[in-house]
Amino acid sequence: MLMSSHTARHTFATMMLTLGADLYTTSKLLGHTQVKTTQIYAKIVDKKKDEAVNLVNDVFNK
């Protein structure tokens, strides 16, 4: 299965942030000139973390 360069970069950024890489380093590895460009991926990671916490909350709130 082939992956587009856009998908590969998106996956790389999301994985780096999920695994704990800092935003600045991830931004530089992607070649972004502004960290705010990389923050898009950080929001995705934050959303996934929130969803995971909500799963646990749902168990205890039943």
PDB file of N, CA and C in Angstrom:
ATOM      1  N   MET A   1       0.842  -1.176   0.000  1.00  0.00           N
ATOM      2  CA  MET A   1       0.000   0.000   0.000  1.00  0.00           C
ATOM      3  C   MET A   1       0.892   1.244   0.000  1.00  0.00           C
ATOM      4  N   LEU A   2       0.650   2.131  -0.908  1.00  0.00           N
ATOM      5  CA  LEU A   2       1.414   3.367  -0.992  1.00  0.00           C
ATOM      6  C   LEU A   2       0.781   4.440  -0.120  1.00  0.00           C
ATOM      7  N   MET A   3       1.634   5.298   0.413  1.00  0.00           N
ATOM      8  CA  MET A   3       1.176   6.386   1.260  1.00  0.00           C
ATOM      9  C   MET A   3       1.629   7.694   0.625  1.00  0.00           C
ATOM     10  N   SER A   4       0.733   8.657   0.566  1.00  0.00           N
ATOM     11  CA  SER A   4       1.111   9.954   0.001  1.00  0.00           C
ATOM     12  C   SER A   4       2.098  10.651   0.932  1.00  0.00           C
ATOM     13  N   SER A   5       2.843  11.585   0.389  1.00  0.00           N
ATOM     14  CA  SER A   5       3.806  12.313   1.221  1.00  0.00           C
ATOM     15  C   SER A   5       3.083  13.109   2.309  1.00  0.00           C
ATOM     16  N   HIS A   6       1.911  13.621   1.996  1.00  0.00           N
ATOM     17  CA  HIS A   6       1.127  14.360   2.993  1.00  0.00           C
ATOM     18  C   HIS A   6       0.745  13.444   4.156  1.00  0.00           C
ATOM     19  N   THR A   7       0.262  12.263   3.829  1.00  0.00           N
ATOM     20  CA  THR A   7      -0.137  11.308   4.867  1.00  0.00           C
ATOM     21  C   THR A   7       1.067  10.862   5.689  1.00  0.00           C
ATOM     22  N   ALA A   8       2.188  10.649   5.027  1.00  0.00           N
ATOM     23  CA  ALA A   8       3.402  10.236   5.734  1.00  0.00           C
ATOM     24  C   ALA A   8       3.860  11.315   6.709  1.00  0.00           C
ATOM     25  N   ARG A   9       3.849  12.568   6.285  1.00  0.00           N
ATOM     26  CA  ARG A   9       4.257  13.671   7.165  1.00  0.00           C
ATOM     27  C   ARG A   9       3.283  13.830   8.331  1.00  0.00           C
ATOM     28  N   HIS A  10       2.005  13.713   8.038  1.00  0.00           N
ATOM     29  CA  HIS A  10       0.980  13.819   9.079  1.00  0.00           C
ATOM     30  C   HIS A  10       1.164  12.703  10.109  1.00  0.00           C
ATOM     31  N   THR A  11       1.367  11.491   9.630  1.00  0.00           N
ATOM     32  CA  THR A  11       1.573  10.343  10.515  1.00  0.00           C
ATOM     33  C   THR A  11       2.834  10.528  11.346  1.00  0.00           C
ATOM     34  N   PHE A  12       3.911  10.968  10.711  1.00  0.00           N
ATOM     35  CA  PHE A  12       5.168  11.203  11.419  1.00  0.00           C
ATOM     36  C   PHE A  12       4.981  12.225  12.538  1.00  0.00           C
ATOM     37  N   ALA A  13       4.361  13.342  12.223  1.00  0.00           N
ATOM     38  CA  ALA A  13       4.168  14.402  13.215  1.00  0.00           C
ATOM     39  C   ALA A  13       3.311  13.920  14.377  1.00  0.00           C
ATOM     40  N   THR A  14       2.223  13.257  14.060  1.00  0.00           N
ATOM     41  CA  THR A  14       1.325  12.767  15.104  1.00  0.00           C
ATOM     42  C   THR A  14       2.016  11.736  15.981  1.00  0.00           C
ATOM     43  N   MET A  15       2.767  10.832  15.367  1.00  0.00           N
ATOM     44  CA  MET A  15       3.480   9.812  16.142  1.00  0.00           C
ATOM     45  C   MET A  15       4.553  10.435  17.027  1.00  0.00           C
ATOM     46  N   MET A  16       5.302  11.382  16.499  1.00  0.00           N
ATOM     47  CA  MET A  16       6.348  12.031  17.289  1.00  0.00           C
ATOM     48  C   MET A  16       5.756  12.677  18.535  1.00  0.00           C
ATOM     49  N   LEU A  17       4.674  13.417  18.357  1.00  0.00           N
ATOM     50  CA  LEU A  17       4.059  14.107  19.490  1.00  0.00           C
ATOM     51  C   LEU A  17       3.411  13.124  20.458  1.00  0.00           C
ATOM     52  N   THR A  18       2.811  12.078  19.940  1.00  0.00           N
ATOM     53  CA  THR A  18       2.200  11.065  20.792  1.00  0.00           C
ATOM     54  C   THR A  18       3.252  10.355  21.642  1.00  0.00           C
ATOM     55  N   LEU A  19       4.421  10.144  21.065  1.00  0.00           N
ATOM     56  CA  LEU A  19       5.497   9.451  21.776  1.00  0.00           C
ATOM     57  C   LEU A  19       6.270  10.366  22.719  1.00  0.00           C
ATOM     58  N   GLY A  20       5.925  11.651  22.730  1.00  0.00           N
ATOM     59  CA  GLY A  20       6.515  12.557  23.707  1.00  0.00           C
ATOM     60  C   GLY A  20       7.542  13.541  23.182  1.00  0.00           C
ATOM     61  N   ALA A  21       7.762  13.570  21.876  1.00  0.00           N
ATOM     62  CA  ALA A  21       8.690  14.562  21.328  1.00  0.00           C
ATOM     63  C   ALA A  21       8.102  15.955  21.547  1.00  0.00           C
ATOM     64  N   ASP A  22       8.966  16.916  21.782  1.00  0.00           N
ATOM     65  CA  ASP A  22       8.456  18.264  22.012  1.00  0.00           C
ATOM     66  C   ASP A  22       8.056  18.925  20.694  1.00  0.00           C
ATOM     67  N   LEU A  23       7.219  19.920  20.818  1.00  0.00           N
ATOM     68  CA  LEU A  23       6.645  20.596  19.662  1.00  0.00           C
ATOM     69  C   LEU A  23       7.719  21.275  18.811  1.00  0.00           C
ATOM     70  N   TYR A  24       8.680  21.932  19.454  1.00  0.00           N
ATOM     71  CA  TYR A  24       9.724  22.651  18.723  1.00  0.00           C
ATOM     72  C   TYR A  24      10.558  21.694  17.872  1.00  0.00           C
ATOM     73  N   THR A  25      10.998  20.593  18.464  1.00  0.00           N
ATOM     74  CA  THR A  25      11.823  19.629  17.732  1.00  0.00           C
ATOM     75  C   THR A  25      11.044  19.017  16.576  1.00  0.00           C
ATOM     76  N   THR A  26       9.807  18.643  16.831  1.00  0.00           N
ATOM     77  CA  THR A  26       8.969  18.080  15.771  1.00  0.00           C
ATOM     78  C   THR A  26       8.794  19.087  14.644  1.00  0.00           C
ATOM     79  N   SER A  27       8.597  20.336  15.002  1.00  0.00           N
ATOM     80  CA  SER A  27       8.451  21.396  14.011  1.00  0.00           C
ATOM     81  C   SER A  27       9.688  21.498  13.124  1.00  0.00           C
ATOM     82  N   LYS A  28      10.853  21.461  13.744  1.00  0.00           N
ATOM     83  CA  LYS A  28      12.105  21.566  12.983  1.00  0.00           C
ATOM     84  C   LYS A  28      12.320  20.338  12.102  1.00  0.00           C
ATOM     85  N   LEU A  29      11.988  19.158  12.616  1.00  0.00           N
ATOM     86  CA  LEU A  29      12.135  17.937  11.817  1.00  0.00           C
ATOM     87  C   LEU A  29      11.235  17.959  10.581  1.00  0.00           C
ATOM     88  N   LEU A  30      10.088  18.601  10.711  1.00  0.00           N
ATOM     89  CA  LEU A  30       9.164  18.710   9.581  1.00  0.00           C
ATOM     90  C   LEU A  30       9.539  19.848   8.638  1.00  0.00           C
ATOM     91  N   GLY A  31      10.467  20.693   9.068  1.00  0.00           N
ATOM     92  CA  GLY A  31      10.874  21.817   8.234  1.00  0.00           C
ATOM     93  C   GLY A  31       9.924  22.996   8.292  1.00  0.00           C
ATOM     94  N   HIS A  32       9.091  23.036   9.319  1.00  0.00           N
ATOM     95  CA  HIS A  32       8.176  24.166   9.472  1.00  0.00           C
ATOM     96  C   HIS A  32       8.956  25.392   9.927  1.00  0.00           C
ATOM     97  N   THR A  33       8.635  26.532   9.360  1.00  0.00           N
ATOM     98  CA  THR A  33       9.305  27.768   9.768  1.00  0.00           C
ATOM     99  C   THR A  33       8.651  28.376  11.000  1.00  0.00           C
ATOM    100  N   GLN A  34       7.401  28.002  11.246  1.00  0.00           N
ATOM    101  CA  GLN A  34       6.687  28.504  12.418  1.00  0.00           C
ATOM    102  C   GLN A  34       6.133  27.330  13.219  1.00  0.00           C
ATOM    103  N   VAL A  35       6.334  27.376  14.524  1.00  0.00           N
ATOM    104  CA  VAL A  35       5.852  26.303  15.394  1.00  0.00           C
ATOM    105  C   VAL A  35       4.330  26.202  15.339  1.00  0.00           C
ATOM    106  N   LYS A  36       3.661  27.314  15.085  1.00  0.00           N
ATOM    107  CA  LYS A  36       2.192  27.274  15.069  1.00  0.00           C
ATOM    108  C   LYS A  36       1.666  26.350  13.966  1.00  0.00           C
ATOM    109  N   THR A  37       2.451  26.135  12.925  1.00  0.00           N
ATOM    110  CA  THR A  37       2.056  25.187  11.884  1.00  0.00           C
ATOM    111  C   THR A  37       2.006  23.779  12.460  1.00  0.00           C
ATOM    112  N   THR A  38       2.949  23.457  13.314  1.00  0.00           N
ATOM    113  CA  THR A  38       3.028  22.127  13.925  1.00  0.00           C
ATOM    114  C   THR A  38       1.965  21.953  15.002  1.00  0.00           C
ATOM    115  N   GLN A  39       1.486  23.033  15.567  1.00  0.00           N
ATOM    116  CA  GLN A  39       0.480  22.951  16.626  1.00  0.00           C
ATOM    117  C   GLN A  39      -0.804  22.288  16.152  1.00  0.00           C
ATOM    118  N   ILE A  40      -1.040  22.272  14.860  1.00  0.00           N
ATOM    119  CA  ILE A  40      -2.210  21.579  14.308  1.00  0.00           C
ATOM    120  C   ILE A  40      -2.168  20.111  14.729  1.00  0.00           C
ATOM    121  N   TYR A  41      -0.980  19.508  14.643  1.00  0.00           N
ATOM    122  CA  TYR A  41      -0.826  18.104  15.011  1.00  0.00           C
ATOM    123  C   TYR A  41      -0.954  17.916  16.518  1.00  0.00           C
ATOM    124  N   ALA A  42      -0.480  18.878  17.274  1.00  0.00           N
ATOM    125  CA  ALA A  42      -0.579  18.796  18.732  1.00  0.00           C
ATOM    126  C   ALA A  42      -2.041  18.801  19.165  1.00  0.00           C
ATOM    127  N   LYS A  43      -2.872  19.552  18.467  1.00  0.00           N
ATOM    128  CA  LYS A  43      -4.300  19.581  18.796  1.00  0.00           C
ATOM    129  C   LYS A  43      -4.937  18.225  18.553  1.00  0.00           C
ATOM    130  N   ILE A  44      -4.492  17.534  17.514  1.00  0.00           N
ATOM    131  CA  ILE A  44      -5.002  16.190  17.234  1.00  0.00           C
ATOM    132  C   ILE A  44      -4.632  15.248  18.373  1.00  0.00           C
ATOM    133  N   VAL A  45      -3.380  15.328  18.820  1.00  0.00           N
ATOM    134  CA  VAL A  45      -2.907  14.476  19.909  1.00  0.00           C
ATOM    135  C   VAL A  45      -3.666  14.798  21.189  1.00  0.00           C
ATOM    136  N   ASP A  46      -3.854  16.084  21.488  1.00  0.00           N
ATOM    137  CA  ASP A  46      -4.604  16.483  22.681  1.00  0.00           C
ATOM    138  C   ASP A  46      -6.039  15.965  22.624  1.00  0.00           C
ATOM    139  N   LYS A  47      -6.642  16.020  21.456  1.00  0.00           N
ATOM    140  CA  LYS A  47      -8.016  15.533  21.305  1.00  0.00           C
ATOM    141  C   LYS A  47      -8.080  14.036  21.591  1.00  0.00           C
ATOM    142  N   LYS A  48      -7.101  13.285  21.104  1.00  0.00           N
ATOM    143  CA  LYS A  48      -7.073  11.840  21.341  1.00  0.00           C
ATOM    144  C   LYS A  48      -6.878  11.535  22.826  1.00  0.00           C
ATOM    145  N   LYS A  49      -6.053  12.321  23.506  1.00  0.00           N
ATOM    146  CA  LYS A  49      -5.854  12.132  24.946  1.00  0.00           C
ATOM    147  C   LYS A  49      -7.154  12.400  25.693  1.00  0.00           C
ATOM    148  N   ASP A  50      -7.848  13.465  25.313  1.00  0.00           N
ATOM    149  CA  ASP A  50      -9.131  13.785  25.943  1.00  0.00           C
ATOM    150  C   ASP A  50     -10.138  12.657  25.739  1.00  0.00           C
ATOM    151  N   GLU A  51     -10.169  12.104  24.536  1.00  0.00           N
ATOM    152  CA  GLU A  51     -11.088  10.999  24.250  1.00  0.00           C
ATOM    153  C   GLU A  51     -10.765   9.786  25.119  1.00  0.00           C
ATOM    154  N   ALA A  52      -9.488   9.511  25.318  1.00  0.00           N
ATOM    155  CA  ALA A  52      -9.081   8.373  26.143  1.00  0.00           C
ATOM    156  C   ALA A  52      -9.494   8.585  27.598  1.00  0.00           C
ATOM    157  N   VAL A  53      -9.300   9.787  28.108  1.00  0.00           N
ATOM    158  CA  VAL A  53      -9.694  10.089  29.486  1.00  0.00           C
ATOM    159  C   VAL A  53     -11.203   9.965  29.633  1.00  0.00           C
ATOM    160  N   ASN A  54     -11.932  10.403  28.639  1.00  0.00           N
ATOM    161  CA  ASN A  54     -13.391  10.309  28.698  1.00  0.00           C
ATOM    162  C   ASN A  54     -13.864   8.861  28.726  1.00  0.00           C
ATOM    163  N   LEU A  55     -13.129   7.957  28.097  1.00  0.00           N
ATOM    164  CA  LEU A  55     -13.488   6.538  28.158  1.00  0.00           C
ATOM    165  C   LEU A  55     -13.437   6.040  29.597  1.00  0.00           C
ATOM    166  N   VAL A  56     -12.408   6.438  30.317  1.00  0.00           N
ATOM    167  CA  VAL A  56     -12.275   6.041  31.719  1.00  0.00           C
ATOM    168  C   VAL A  56     -13.370   6.693  32.549  1.00  0.00           C
ATOM    169  N   ASN A  57     -13.617   7.963  32.310  1.00  0.00           N
ATOM    170  CA  ASN A  57     -14.676   8.663  33.044  1.00  0.00           C
ATOM    171  C   ASN A  57     -16.027   7.991  32.836  1.00  0.00           C
ATOM    172  N   ASP A  58     -16.286   7.538  31.619  1.00  0.00           N
ATOM    173  CA  ASP A  58     -17.555   6.877  31.319  1.00  0.00           C
ATOM    174  C   ASP A  58     -17.729   5.612  32.152  1.00  0.00           C
ATOM    175  N   VAL A  59     -16.646   4.890  32.378  1.00  0.00           N
ATOM    176  CA  VAL A  59     -16.714   3.659  33.174  1.00  0.00           C
ATOM    177  C   VAL A  59     -17.104   3.971  34.611  1.00  0.00           C
ATOM    178  N   PHE A  60     -16.518   5.019  35.176  1.00  0.00           N
ATOM    179  CA  PHE A  60     -16.772   5.349  36.573  1.00  0.00           C
ATOM    180  C   PHE A  60     -18.077   6.102  36.789  1.00  0.00           C
ATOM    181  N   ASN A  61     -18.630   6.654  35.743  1.00  0.00           N
ATOM    182  CA  ASN A  61     -19.869   7.420  35.881  1.00  0.00           C
ATOM    183  C   ASN A  61     -21.115   6.596  35.587  1.00  0.00           C
ATOM    184  N   LYS A  62     -20.950   5.297  35.419  1.00  0.00           N
ATOM    185  CA  LYS A  62     -22.116   4.441  35.144  1.00  0.00           C
ATOM    186  C   LYS A  62     -22.720   3.949  36.419  1.00  0.00           C
TER     187      LYS A  62
END
